[in-house]
PDB file of N, CA and C in Angstrom:
ATOM      1  N   UNK A   1     108.670  93.196 135.807  1.00  0.00           N
ATOM      2  CA  UNK A   1     107.919  93.964 134.836  1.00  0.00           C
ATOM      3  C   UNK A   1     107.635  93.094 133.610  1.00  0.00           C
ATOM      4  N   UNK A   2     106.437  93.156 133.129  1.00  0.00           N
ATOM      5  CA  UNK A   2     106.011  92.327 132.004  1.00  0.00           C
ATOM      6  C   UNK A   2     106.553  92.866 130.684  1.00  0.00           C
ATOM      7  N   UNK A   3     106.569  91.975 129.710  1.00  0.00           N
ATOM      8  CA  UNK A   3     107.017  92.309 128.357  1.00  0.00           C
ATOM      9  C   UNK A   3     105.972  93.148 127.625  1.00  0.00           C
ATOM     10  N   UNK A   4     104.726  93.077 128.073  1.00  0.00           N
ATOM     11  CA  UNK A   4     103.608  93.722 127.396  1.00  0.00           C
ATOM     12  C   UNK A   4     102.851  94.597 128.383  1.00  0.00           C
ATOM     13  N   UNK A   5     102.471  95.794 127.917  1.00  0.00           N
ATOM     14  CA  UNK A   5     101.633  96.680 128.718  1.00  0.00           C
ATOM     15  C   UNK A   5     100.368  96.981 127.934  1.00  0.00           C
ATOM     16  N   UNK A   6      99.245  96.921 128.629  1.00  0.00           N
ATOM     17  CA  UNK A   6      97.947  97.248 128.037  1.00  0.00           C
ATOM     18  C   UNK A   6      97.377  98.438 128.780  1.00  0.00           C
ATOM     19  N   UNK A   7      97.160  99.535 128.074  1.00  0.00           N
ATOM     20  CA  UNK A   7      96.449 100.680 128.641  1.00  0.00           C
ATOM     21  C   UNK A   7      94.982 100.426 128.360  1.00  0.00           C
ATOM     22  N   UNK A   8      94.221 100.297 129.432  1.00  0.00           N
ATOM     23  CA  UNK A   8      92.909  99.656 129.390  1.00  0.00           C
ATOM     24  C   UNK A   8      91.848 100.508 130.069  1.00  0.00           C
ATOM     25  N   UNK A   9      90.643 100.468 129.481  1.00  0.00           N
ATOM     26  CA  UNK A   9      89.448 101.045 130.091  1.00  0.00           C
ATOM     27  C   UNK A   9      88.417  99.921 130.132  1.00  0.00           C
ATOM     28  N   UNK A  10      88.121  99.393 131.337  1.00  0.00           N
ATOM     29  CA  UNK A  10      87.211  98.243 131.422  1.00  0.00           C
ATOM     30  C   UNK A  10      85.780  98.541 130.973  1.00  0.00           C
ATOM     31  N   UNK A  11      85.432  99.804 130.794  1.00  0.00           N
ATOM     32  CA  UNK A  11      84.080 100.145 130.337  1.00  0.00           C
ATOM     33  C   UNK A  11      83.956 100.097 128.817  1.00  0.00           C
ATOM     34  N   UNK A  12      85.064  99.888 128.131  1.00  0.00           N
ATOM     35  CA  UNK A  12      85.087  99.886 126.665  1.00  0.00           C
ATOM     36  C   UNK A  12      85.135  98.448 126.157  1.00  0.00           C
ATOM     37  N   UNK A  13      84.222  98.084 125.271  1.00  0.00           N
ATOM     38  CA  UNK A  13      84.184  96.706 124.774  1.00  0.00           C
ATOM     39  C   UNK A  13      85.435  96.359 123.959  1.00  0.00           C
ATOM     40  N   UNK A  14      85.953  97.286 123.208  1.00  0.00           N
ATOM     41  CA  UNK A  14      87.158  97.006 122.425  1.00  0.00           C
ATOM     42  C   UNK A  14      88.351  96.801 123.353  1.00  0.00           C
ATOM     43  N   UNK A  15      88.404  97.581 124.412  1.00  0.00           N
ATOM     44  CA  UNK A  15      89.479  97.427 125.390  1.00  0.00           C
ATOM     45  C   UNK A  15      89.333  96.094 126.138  1.00  0.00           C
ATOM     46  N   UNK A  16      88.108  95.728 126.455  1.00  0.00           N
ATOM     47  CA  UNK A  16      87.887  94.426 127.116  1.00  0.00           C
ATOM     48  C   UNK A  16      88.310  93.280 126.199  1.00  0.00           C
ATOM     49  N   UNK A  17      88.081  93.427 124.907  1.00  0.00           N
ATOM     50  CA  UNK A  17      88.521  92.408 123.948  1.00  0.00           C
ATOM     51  C   UNK A  17      90.044  92.246 124.024  1.00  0.00           C
ATOM     52  N   UNK A  18      90.764  93.353 124.031  1.00  0.00           N
ATOM     53  CA  UNK A  18      92.230  93.279 124.131  1.00  0.00           C
ATOM     54  C   UNK A  18      92.639  92.660 125.460  1.00  0.00           C
ATOM     55  N   UNK A  19      91.955  93.027 126.527  1.00  0.00           N
ATOM     56  CA  UNK A  19      92.249  92.465 127.847  1.00  0.00           C
ATOM     57  C   UNK A  19      92.079  90.941 127.821  1.00  0.00           C
ATOM     58  N   UNK A  20      91.005  90.483 127.209  1.00  0.00           N
ATOM     59  CA  UNK A  20      90.777  89.035 127.110  1.00  0.00           C
ATOM     60  C   UNK A  20      91.890  88.348 126.320  1.00  0.00           C
ATOM     61  N   UNK A  21      92.437  89.037 125.327  1.00  0.00           N
ATOM     62  CA  UNK A  21      93.515  88.469 124.513  1.00  0.00           C
ATOM     63  C   UNK A  21      94.812  88.310 125.306  1.00  0.00           C
ATOM     64  N   UNK A  22      95.046  89.204 126.266  1.00  0.00           N
ATOM     65  CA  UNK A  22      96.300  89.148 127.030  1.00  0.00           C
ATOM     66  C   UNK A  22      96.119  88.496 128.398  1.00  0.00           C
ATOM     67  N   UNK A  23      94.876  88.241 128.802  1.00  0.00           N
ATOM     68  CA  UNK A  23      94.618  87.646 130.121  1.00  0.00           C
ATOM     69  C   UNK A  23      95.331  86.315 130.243  1.00  0.00           C
ATOM     70  N   UNK A  24      95.908  86.107 131.396  1.00  0.00           N
ATOM     71  CA  UNK A  24      96.615  84.865 131.643  1.00  0.00           C
ATOM     72  C   UNK A  24      98.052  84.905 131.166  1.00  0.00           C
ATOM     73  N   UNK A  25      98.383  85.939 130.405  1.00  0.00           N
ATOM     74  CA  UNK A  25      99.758  86.088 129.937  1.00  0.00           C
ATOM     75  C   UNK A  25     100.534  87.012 130.855  1.00  0.00           C
ATOM     76  N   UNK A  26     101.737  87.298 130.459  1.00  0.00           N
ATOM     77  CA  UNK A  26     102.595  88.173 131.237  1.00  0.00           C
ATOM     78  C   UNK A  26     102.405  89.596 130.735  1.00  0.00           C
ATOM     79  N   UNK A  27     101.391  90.283 131.258  1.00  0.00           N
ATOM     80  CA  UNK A  27     101.090  91.643 130.823  1.00  0.00           C
ATOM     81  C   UNK A  27     100.814  92.530 132.023  1.00  0.00           C
ATOM     82  N   UNK A  28     101.300  93.759 131.942  1.00  0.00           N
ATOM     83  CA  UNK A  28     100.921  94.787 132.905  1.00  0.00           C
ATOM     84  C   UNK A  28      99.677  95.461 132.347  1.00  0.00           C
ATOM     85  N   UNK A  29      98.637  95.541 133.149  1.00  0.00           N
ATOM     86  CA  UNK A  29      97.409  96.201 132.733  1.00  0.00           C
ATOM     87  C   UNK A  29      97.306  97.500 133.512  1.00  0.00           C
ATOM     88  N   UNK A  30      97.223  98.607 132.781  1.00  0.00           N
ATOM     89  CA  UNK A  30      97.147  99.932 133.387  1.00  0.00           C
ATOM     90  C   UNK A  30      95.784 100.521 133.061  1.00  0.00           C
ATOM     91  N   UNK A  31      94.980 100.723 134.090  1.00  0.00           N
ATOM     92  CA  UNK A  31      93.705 101.422 133.906  1.00  0.00           C
ATOM     93  C   UNK A  31      94.025 102.910 133.947  1.00  0.00           C
ATOM     94  N   UNK A  32      94.226 103.471 132.770  1.00  0.00           N
ATOM     95  CA  UNK A  32      94.765 104.821 132.647  1.00  0.00           C
ATOM     96  C   UNK A  32      93.826 105.912 133.166  1.00  0.00           C
ATOM     97  N   UNK A  33      92.558 105.603 133.383  1.00  0.00           N
ATOM     98  CA  UNK A  33      91.673 106.598 133.985  1.00  0.00           C
ATOM     99  C   UNK A  33      91.863 106.661 135.502  1.00  0.00           C
ATOM    100  N   UNK A  34      92.283 105.547 136.093  1.00  0.00           N
ATOM    101  CA  UNK A  34      92.587 105.520 137.523  1.00  0.00           C
ATOM    102  C   UNK A  34      93.997 106.017 137.791  1.00  0.00           C
ATOM    103  N   UNK A  35      94.899 105.751 136.855  1.00  0.00           N
ATOM    104  CA  UNK A  35      96.304 106.131 136.978  1.00  0.00           C
ATOM    105  C   UNK A  35      96.722 106.857 135.695  1.00  0.00           C
ATOM    106  N   UNK A  36      96.292 108.125 135.534  1.00  0.00           N
ATOM    107  CA  UNK A  36      96.602 108.844 134.291  1.00  0.00           C
ATOM    108  C   UNK A  36      98.109 108.992 134.075  1.00  0.00           C
ATOM    109  N   UNK A  37      98.483 108.984 132.821  1.00  0.00           N
ATOM    110  CA  UNK A  37      99.879 109.167 132.455  1.00  0.00           C
ATOM    111  C   UNK A  37     100.235 110.647 132.544  1.00  0.00           C
ATOM    112  N   UNK A  38     101.474 110.916 132.935  1.00  0.00           N
ATOM    113  CA  UNK A  38     101.917 112.308 132.938  1.00  0.00           C
ATOM    114  C   UNK A  38     102.450 112.644 131.548  1.00  0.00           C
ATOM    115  N   UNK A  39     102.834 113.896 131.357  1.00  0.00           N
ATOM    116  CA  UNK A  39     103.261 114.361 130.038  1.00  0.00           C
ATOM    117  C   UNK A  39     104.452 113.546 129.520  1.00  0.00           C
ATOM    118  N   UNK A  40     105.430 113.297 130.365  1.00  0.00           N
ATOM    119  CA  UNK A  40     106.603 112.541 129.942  1.00  0.00           C
ATOM    120  C   UNK A  40     106.254 111.122 129.528  1.00  0.00           C
ATOM    121  N   UNK A  41     105.374 110.482 130.284  1.00  0.00           N
ATOM    122  CA  UNK A  41     104.954 109.125 129.943  1.00  0.00           C
ATOM    123  C   UNK A  41     104.184 109.112 128.620  1.00  0.00           C
ATOM    124  N   UNK A  42     103.348 110.124 128.419  1.00  0.00           N
ATOM    125  CA  UNK A  42     102.596 110.199 127.168  1.00  0.00           C
ATOM    126  C   UNK A  42     103.526 110.425 125.979  1.00  0.00           C
ATOM    127  N   UNK A  43     104.514 111.295 126.133  1.00  0.00           N
ATOM    128  CA  UNK A  43     105.455 111.530 125.037  1.00  0.00           C
ATOM    129  C   UNK A  43     106.249 110.269 124.719  1.00  0.00           C
ATOM    130  N   UNK A  44     106.635 109.517 125.750  1.00  0.00           N
ATOM    131  CA  UNK A  44     107.350 108.254 125.531  1.00  0.00           C
ATOM    132  C   UNK A  44     106.457 107.247 124.808  1.00  0.00           C
ATOM    133  N   UNK A  45     105.192 107.188 125.194  1.00  0.00           N
ATOM    134  CA  UNK A  45     104.239 106.293 124.537  1.00  0.00           C
ATOM    135  C   UNK A  45     104.059 106.692 123.080  1.00  0.00           C
ATOM    136  N   UNK A  46     103.873 107.970 122.826  1.00  0.00           N
ATOM    137  CA  UNK A  46     103.661 108.462 121.459  1.00  0.00           C
ATOM    138  C   UNK A  46     104.884 108.160 120.587  1.00  0.00           C
ATOM    139  N   UNK A  47     106.076 108.244 121.170  1.00  0.00           N
ATOM    140  CA  UNK A  47     107.302 107.962 120.406  1.00  0.00           C
ATOM    141  C   UNK A  47     107.351 106.510 119.933  1.00  0.00           C
ATOM    142  N   UNK A  48     106.711 105.623 120.665  1.00  0.00           N
ATOM    143  CA  UNK A  48     106.685 104.203 120.289  1.00  0.00           C
ATOM    144  C   UNK A  48     105.518 103.861 119.365  1.00  0.00           C
ATOM    145  N   UNK A  49     104.548 104.736 119.305  1.00  0.00           N
ATOM    146  CA  UNK A  49     103.294 104.462 118.608  1.00  0.00           C
ATOM    147  C   UNK A  49     103.503 104.346 117.102  1.00  0.00           C
ATOM    148  N   UNK A  50     103.003 103.263 116.535  1.00  0.00           N
ATOM    149  CA  UNK A  50     103.077 103.060 115.089  1.00  0.00           C
ATOM    150  C   UNK A  50     102.024 103.888 114.362  1.00  0.00           C
ATOM    151  N   UNK A  51     101.066 104.400 115.093  1.00  0.00           N
ATOM    152  CA  UNK A  51      99.995 105.212 114.526  1.00  0.00           C
ATOM    153  C   UNK A  51     100.364 106.690 114.657  1.00  0.00           C
ATOM    154  N   UNK A  52      99.756 107.555 113.851  1.00  0.00           N
ATOM    155  CA  UNK A  52     100.009 108.986 114.000  1.00  0.00           C
ATOM    156  C   UNK A  52      99.593 109.461 115.402  1.00  0.00           C
ATOM    157  N   UNK A  53     100.295 110.443 115.971  1.00  0.00           N
ATOM    158  CA  UNK A  53      99.942 110.934 117.316  1.00  0.00           C
ATOM    159  C   UNK A  53      98.472 111.331 117.433  1.00  0.00           C
ATOM    160  N   UNK A  54      97.915 111.937 116.398  1.00  0.00           N
ATOM    161  CA  UNK A  54      96.520 112.387 116.444  1.00  0.00           C
ATOM    162  C   UNK A  54      95.546 111.238 116.679  1.00  0.00           C
ATOM    163  N   UNK A  55      95.922 110.023 116.265  1.00  0.00           N
ATOM    164  CA  UNK A  55      95.038 108.869 116.434  1.00  0.00           C
ATOM    165  C   UNK A  55      94.868 108.473 117.894  1.00  0.00           C
ATOM    166  N   UNK A  56      95.760 108.952 118.761  1.00  0.00           N
ATOM    167  CA  UNK A  56      95.664 108.624 120.183  1.00  0.00           C
ATOM    168  C   UNK A  56      94.551 109.410 120.872  1.00  0.00           C
ATOM    169  N   UNK A  57      93.998 110.397 120.176  1.00  0.00           N
ATOM    170  CA  UNK A  57      92.940 111.240 120.739  1.00  0.00           C
ATOM    171  C   UNK A  57      91.580 110.774 120.228  1.00  0.00           C
ATOM    172  N   UNK A  58      90.687 110.494 121.174  1.00  0.00           N
ATOM    173  CA  UNK A  58      89.299 110.158 120.823  1.00  0.00           C
ATOM    174  C   UNK A  58      88.572 111.444 120.441  1.00  0.00           C
ATOM    175  N   UNK A  59      87.983 111.463 119.266  1.00  0.00           N
ATOM    176  CA  UNK A  59      87.203 112.626 118.830  1.00  0.00           C
ATOM    177  C   UNK A  59      85.730 112.303 119.021  1.00  0.00           C
ATOM    178  N   UNK A  60      85.334 112.140 120.287  1.00  0.00           N
ATOM    179  CA  UNK A  60      83.979 111.715 120.627  1.00  0.00           C
ATOM    180  C   UNK A  60      83.135 112.913 121.042  1.00  0.00           C
ATOM    181  N   UNK A  61      81.980 112.639 121.615  1.00  0.00           N
ATOM    182  CA  UNK A  61      81.074 113.713 122.034  1.00  0.00           C
ATOM    183  C   UNK A  61      81.723 114.621 123.081  1.00  0.00           C
ATOM    184  N   UNK A  62      82.488 114.049 124.008  1.00  0.00           N
ATOM    185  CA  UNK A  62      83.167 114.865 125.021  1.00  0.00           C
ATOM    186  C   UNK A  62      84.162 115.815 124.353  1.00  0.00           C
ATOM    187  N   UNK A  63      84.898 115.329 123.374  1.00  0.00           N
ATOM    188  CA  UNK A  63      85.838 116.161 122.629  1.00  0.00           C
ATOM    189  C   UNK A  63      85.100 117.356 122.025  1.00  0.00           C
ATOM    190  N   UNK A  64      83.978 117.086 121.394  1.00  0.00           N
ATOM    191  CA  UNK A  64      83.193 118.152 120.765  1.00  0.00           C
ATOM    192  C   UNK A  64      82.600 119.101 121.806  1.00  0.00           C
ATOM    193  N   UNK A  65      82.141 118.560 122.948  1.00  0.00           N
ATOM    194  CA  UNK A  65      81.578 119.402 124.014  1.00  0.00           C
ATOM    195  C   UNK A  65      82.601 120.384 124.565  1.00  0.00           C
ATOM    196  N   UNK A  66      83.870 120.004 124.521  1.00  0.00           N
ATOM    197  CA  UNK A  66      84.925 120.881 125.015  1.00  0.00           C
ATOM    198  C   UNK A  66      85.286 121.964 124.000  1.00  0.00           C
ATOM    199  N   UNK A  67      84.688 121.902 122.817  1.00  0.00           N
ATOM    200  CA  UNK A  67      84.967 122.888 121.775  1.00  0.00           C
ATOM    201  C   UNK A  67      86.354 122.726 121.175  1.00  0.00           C
ATOM    202  N   UNK A  68      86.870 121.500 121.185  1.00  0.00           N
ATOM    203  CA  UNK A  68      88.224 121.245 120.698  1.00  0.00           C
ATOM    204  C   UNK A  68      88.224 121.071 119.185  1.00  0.00           C
ATOM    205  N   UNK A  69      89.337 121.414 118.576  1.00  0.00           N
ATOM    206  CA  UNK A  69      89.523 121.320 117.133  1.00  0.00           C
ATOM    207  C   UNK A  69      90.587 120.258 116.855  1.00  0.00           C
ATOM    208  N   UNK A  70      90.217 119.197 116.159  1.00  0.00           N
ATOM    209  CA  UNK A  70      91.136 118.081 115.894  1.00  0.00           C
ATOM    210  C   UNK A  70      92.417 118.536 115.200  1.00  0.00           C
ATOM    211  N   UNK A  71      92.349 119.575 114.398  1.00  0.00           N
ATOM    212  CA  UNK A  71      93.532 120.063 113.688  1.00  0.00           C
ATOM    213  C   UNK A  71      94.601 120.617 114.633  1.00  0.00           C
ATOM    214  N   UNK A  72      94.233 120.908 115.860  1.00  0.00           N
ATOM    215  CA  UNK A  72      95.196 121.454 116.830  1.00  0.00           C
ATOM    216  C   UNK A  72      95.939 120.356 117.582  1.00  0.00           C
ATOM    217  N   UNK A  73      95.534 119.101 117.403  1.00  0.00           N
ATOM    218  CA  UNK A  73      96.109 117.988 118.171  1.00  0.00           C
ATOM    219  C   UNK A  73      96.703 116.943 117.235  1.00  0.00           C
ATOM    220  N   UNK A  74      97.769 117.342 116.570  1.00  0.00           N
ATOM    221  CA  UNK A  74      98.438 116.449 115.625  1.00  0.00           C
ATOM    222  C   UNK A  74      99.889 116.177 116.010  1.00  0.00           C
ATOM    223  N   UNK A  75     100.494 117.043 116.802  1.00  0.00           N
ATOM    224  CA  UNK A  75     101.890 116.847 117.197  1.00  0.00           C
ATOM    225  C   UNK A  75     101.944 116.079 118.516  1.00  0.00           C
ATOM    226  N   UNK A  76     103.048 115.384 118.756  1.00  0.00           N
ATOM    227  CA  UNK A  76     103.173 114.667 120.026  1.00  0.00           C
ATOM    228  C   UNK A  76     102.965 115.571 121.243  1.00  0.00           C
ATOM    229  N   UNK A  77     103.523 116.771 121.202  1.00  0.00           N
ATOM    230  CA  UNK A  77     103.421 117.682 122.338  1.00  0.00           C
ATOM    231  C   UNK A  77     101.978 118.114 122.583  1.00  0.00           C
ATOM    232  N   UNK A  78     101.262 118.470 121.521  1.00  0.00           N
ATOM    233  CA  UNK A  78      99.866 118.907 121.668  1.00  0.00           C
ATOM    234  C   UNK A  78      98.989 117.763 122.160  1.00  0.00           C
ATOM    235  N   UNK A  79      99.226 116.567 121.636  1.00  0.00           N
ATOM    236  CA  UNK A  79      98.444 115.399 122.067  1.00  0.00           C
ATOM    237  C   UNK A  79      98.720 115.105 123.535  1.00  0.00           C
ATOM    238  N   UNK A  80      99.979 115.116 123.934  1.00  0.00           N
ATOM    239  CA  UNK A  80     100.323 114.854 125.337  1.00  0.00           C
ATOM    240  C   UNK A  80      99.688 115.885 126.256  1.00  0.00           C
ATOM    241  N   UNK A  81      99.761 117.154 125.892  1.00  0.00           N
ATOM    242  CA  UNK A  81      99.166 118.211 126.735  1.00  0.00           C
ATOM    243  C   UNK A  81      97.662 118.012 126.876  1.00  0.00           C
ATOM    244  N   UNK A  82      96.997 117.671 125.777  1.00  0.00           N
ATOM    245  CA  UNK A  82      95.552 117.439 125.824  1.00  0.00           C
ATOM    246  C   UNK A  82      95.205 116.261 126.718  1.00  0.00           C
ATOM    247  N   UNK A  83      95.955 115.162 126.587  1.00  0.00           N
ATOM    248  CA  UNK A  83      95.635 113.958 127.356  1.00  0.00           C
ATOM    249  C   UNK A  83      95.991 114.098 128.830  1.00  0.00           C
ATOM    250  N   UNK A  84      96.921 114.968 129.168  1.00  0.00           N
ATOM    251  CA  UNK A  84      97.168 115.268 130.585  1.00  0.00           C
ATOM    252  C   UNK A  84      95.948 115.978 131.161  1.00  0.00           C
ATOM    253  N   UNK A  85      95.403 116.898 130.401  1.00  0.00           N
ATOM    254  CA  UNK A  85      94.233 117.659 130.865  1.00  0.00           C
ATOM    255  C   UNK A  85      92.954 116.813 130.843  1.00  0.00           C
ATOM    256  N   UNK A  86      92.816 115.961 129.832  1.00  0.00           N
ATOM    257  CA  UNK A  86      91.602 115.155 129.652  1.00  0.00           C
ATOM    258  C   UNK A  86      91.976 113.702 129.366  1.00  0.00           C
ATOM    259  N   UNK A  87      92.364 112.930 130.397  1.00  0.00           N
ATOM    260  CA  UNK A  87      92.778 111.535 130.161  1.00  0.00           C
ATOM    261  C   UNK A  87      91.703 110.690 129.479  1.00  0.00           C
ATOM    262  N   UNK A  88      90.452 111.030 129.672  1.00  0.00           N
ATOM    263  CA  UNK A  88      89.381 110.224 129.081  1.00  0.00           C
ATOM    264  C   UNK A  88      89.367 110.297 127.555  1.00  0.00           C
ATOM    265  N   UNK A  89      90.108 111.239 126.983  1.00  0.00           N
ATOM    266  CA  UNK A  89      90.176 111.347 125.533  1.00  0.00           C
ATOM    267  C   UNK A  89      91.233 110.444 124.916  1.00  0.00           C
ATOM    268  N   UNK A  90      91.947 109.678 125.760  1.00  0.00           N
ATOM    269  CA  UNK A  90      92.944 108.764 125.203  1.00  0.00           C
ATOM    270  C   UNK A  90      92.242 107.578 124.550  1.00  0.00           C
ATOM    271  N   UNK A  91      92.620 107.318 123.311  1.00  0.00           N
ATOM    272  CA  UNK A  91      92.070 106.181 122.584  1.00  0.00           C
ATOM    273  C   UNK A  91      92.469 104.893 123.301  1.00  0.00           C
ATOM    274  N   UNK A  92      91.611 103.923 123.247  1.00  0.00           N
ATOM    275  CA  UNK A  92      91.895 102.648 123.908  1.00  0.00           C
ATOM    276  C   UNK A  92      91.387 101.511 123.049  1.00  0.00           C
ATOM    277  N   UNK A  93      92.020 100.393 123.258  1.00  0.00           N
ATOM    278  CA  UNK A  93      93.172 100.080 124.090  1.00  0.00           C
ATOM    279  C   UNK A  93      94.466 100.463 123.389  1.00  0.00           C
ATOM    280  N   UNK A  94      95.518 100.594 124.168  1.00  0.00           N
ATOM    281  CA  UNK A  94      96.857 100.797 123.621  1.00  0.00           C
ATOM    282  C   UNK A  94      97.722  99.668 124.164  1.00  0.00           C
ATOM    283  N   UNK A  95      98.443  99.018 123.276  1.00  0.00           N
ATOM    284  CA  UNK A  95      99.341  97.927 123.663  1.00  0.00           C
ATOM    285  C   UNK A  95     100.773  98.348 123.378  1.00  0.00           C
ATOM    286  N   UNK A  96     101.654  98.033 124.323  1.00  0.00           N
ATOM    287  CA  UNK A  96     103.066  98.388 124.195  1.00  0.00           C
ATOM    288  C   UNK A  96     103.898  97.137 124.446  1.00  0.00           C
ATOM    289  N   UNK A  97     104.836  96.901 123.551  1.00  0.00           N
ATOM    290  CA  UNK A  97     105.796  95.805 123.721  1.00  0.00           C
ATOM    291  C   UNK A  97     107.142  96.336 123.229  1.00  0.00           C
ATOM    292  N   UNK A  98     108.083  96.420 124.150  1.00  0.00           N
ATOM    293  CA  UNK A  98     109.401  96.927 123.785  1.00  0.00           C
ATOM    294  C   UNK A  98     109.318  98.348 123.274  1.00  0.00           C
ATOM    295  N   UNK A  99     109.843  98.565 122.062  1.00  0.00           N
ATOM    296  CA  UNK A  99     109.834  99.916 121.493  1.00  0.00           C
ATOM    297  C   UNK A  99     108.709 100.113 120.485  1.00  0.00           C
ATOM    298  N   UNK A 100     107.679  99.245 120.554  1.00  0.00           N
ATOM    299  CA  UNK A 100     106.528  99.337 119.653  1.00  0.00           C
ATOM    300  C   UNK A 100     105.245  99.510 120.451  1.00  0.00           C
ATOM    301  N   UNK A 101     104.338 100.302 119.901  1.00  0.00           N
ATOM    302  CA  UNK A 101     103.018 100.470 120.507  1.00  0.00           C
ATOM    303  C   UNK A 101     101.988 100.642 119.395  1.00  0.00           C
ATOM    304  N   UNK A 102     100.794 100.137 119.665  1.00  0.00           N
ATOM    305  CA  UNK A 102      99.683 100.299 118.716  1.00  0.00           C
ATOM    306  C   UNK A 102      98.413 100.651 119.478  1.00  0.00           C
ATOM    307  N   UNK A 103      97.505 101.247 118.743  1.00  0.00           N
ATOM    308  CA  UNK A 103      96.128 101.411 119.213  1.00  0.00           C
ATOM    309  C   UNK A 103      95.395 100.167 118.732  1.00  0.00           C
ATOM    310  N   UNK A 104      94.736  99.484 119.636  1.00  0.00           N
ATOM    311  CA  UNK A 104      94.083  98.208 119.309  1.00  0.00           C
ATOM    312  C   UNK A 104      92.732  98.376 118.655  1.00  0.00           C
ATOM    313  N   UNK A 105      92.652  99.197 117.652  1.00  0.00           N
ATOM    314  CA  UNK A 105      91.450  99.414 116.844  1.00  0.00           C
ATOM    315  C   UNK A 105      91.843  99.345 115.387  1.00  0.00           C
ATOM    316  N   UNK A 106      91.150  98.588 114.593  1.00  0.00           N
ATOM    317  CA  UNK A 106      90.099  97.654 114.958  1.00  0.00           C
ATOM    318  C   UNK A 106      90.659  96.484 115.774  1.00  0.00           C
ATOM    319  N   UNK A 107      89.755  95.715 116.344  1.00  0.00           N
ATOM    320  CA  UNK A 107      90.123  94.630 117.257  1.00  0.00           C
ATOM    321  C   UNK A 107      91.139  93.670 116.674  1.00  0.00           C
ATOM    322  N   UNK A 108      91.103  93.459 115.378  1.00  0.00           N
ATOM    323  CA  UNK A 108      91.995  92.499 114.726  1.00  0.00           C
ATOM    324  C   UNK A 108      93.467  92.889 114.872  1.00  0.00           C
ATOM    325  N   UNK A 109      93.732  94.154 115.086  1.00  0.00           N
ATOM    326  CA  UNK A 109      95.128  94.606 115.242  1.00  0.00           C
ATOM    327  C   UNK A 109      95.781  93.985 116.477  1.00  0.00           C
ATOM    328  N   UNK A 110      94.987  93.691 117.491  1.00  0.00           N
ATOM    329  CA  UNK A 110      95.530  93.155 118.738  1.00  0.00           C
ATOM    330  C   UNK A 110      96.189  91.804 118.489  1.00  0.00           C
ATOM    331  N   UNK A 111      95.489  90.895 117.832  1.00  0.00           N
ATOM    332  CA  UNK A 111      96.044  89.559 117.573  1.00  0.00           C
ATOM    333  C   UNK A 111      97.306  89.643 116.732  1.00  0.00           C
ATOM    334  N   UNK A 112      97.302  90.511 115.726  1.00  0.00           N
ATOM    335  CA  UNK A 112      98.494  90.669 114.892  1.00  0.00           C
ATOM    336  C   UNK A 112      99.674  91.171 115.710  1.00  0.00           C
ATOM    337  N   UNK A 113      99.415  92.123 116.603  1.00  0.00           N
ATOM    338  CA  UNK A 113     100.487  92.691 117.440  1.00  0.00           C
ATOM    339  C   UNK A 113     101.033  91.653 118.416  1.00  0.00           C
ATOM    340  N   UNK A 114     100.168  90.803 118.937  1.00  0.00           N
ATOM    341  CA  UNK A 114     100.591  89.804 119.913  1.00  0.00           C
ATOM    342  C   UNK A 114     101.298  88.614 119.288  1.00  0.00           C
ATOM    343  N   UNK A 115     101.086  88.418 117.987  1.00  0.00           N
ATOM    344  CA  UNK A 115     101.678  87.251 117.295  1.00  0.00           C
ATOM    345  C   UNK A 115     103.191  87.352 117.201  1.00  0.00           C
TER     346      UNK A 115
END
């Protein structure tokens, strides 16, 4: 098992940037849309996240089309439940190393995290 895990969406340019930063290194790359995380995995990820749990949720057009209210998705439990139901709403990329995790936005955060 690698020291670093990247939760990746290859269709996202920011996620591809993070992938390029870890390519060739010892990293596990998880395409979370092909292999969605379950509730327990999401709660474990959120517990390591240096960002607020709400930041793990993409508030994009799909979020709005579902009639969702961002104020309802601020706790780890609510965020995990939402992302189990709608994995595509998970912000990307997410990098995990040991007991730390970050959302790789803006792109510059990735290099700082890897340093």
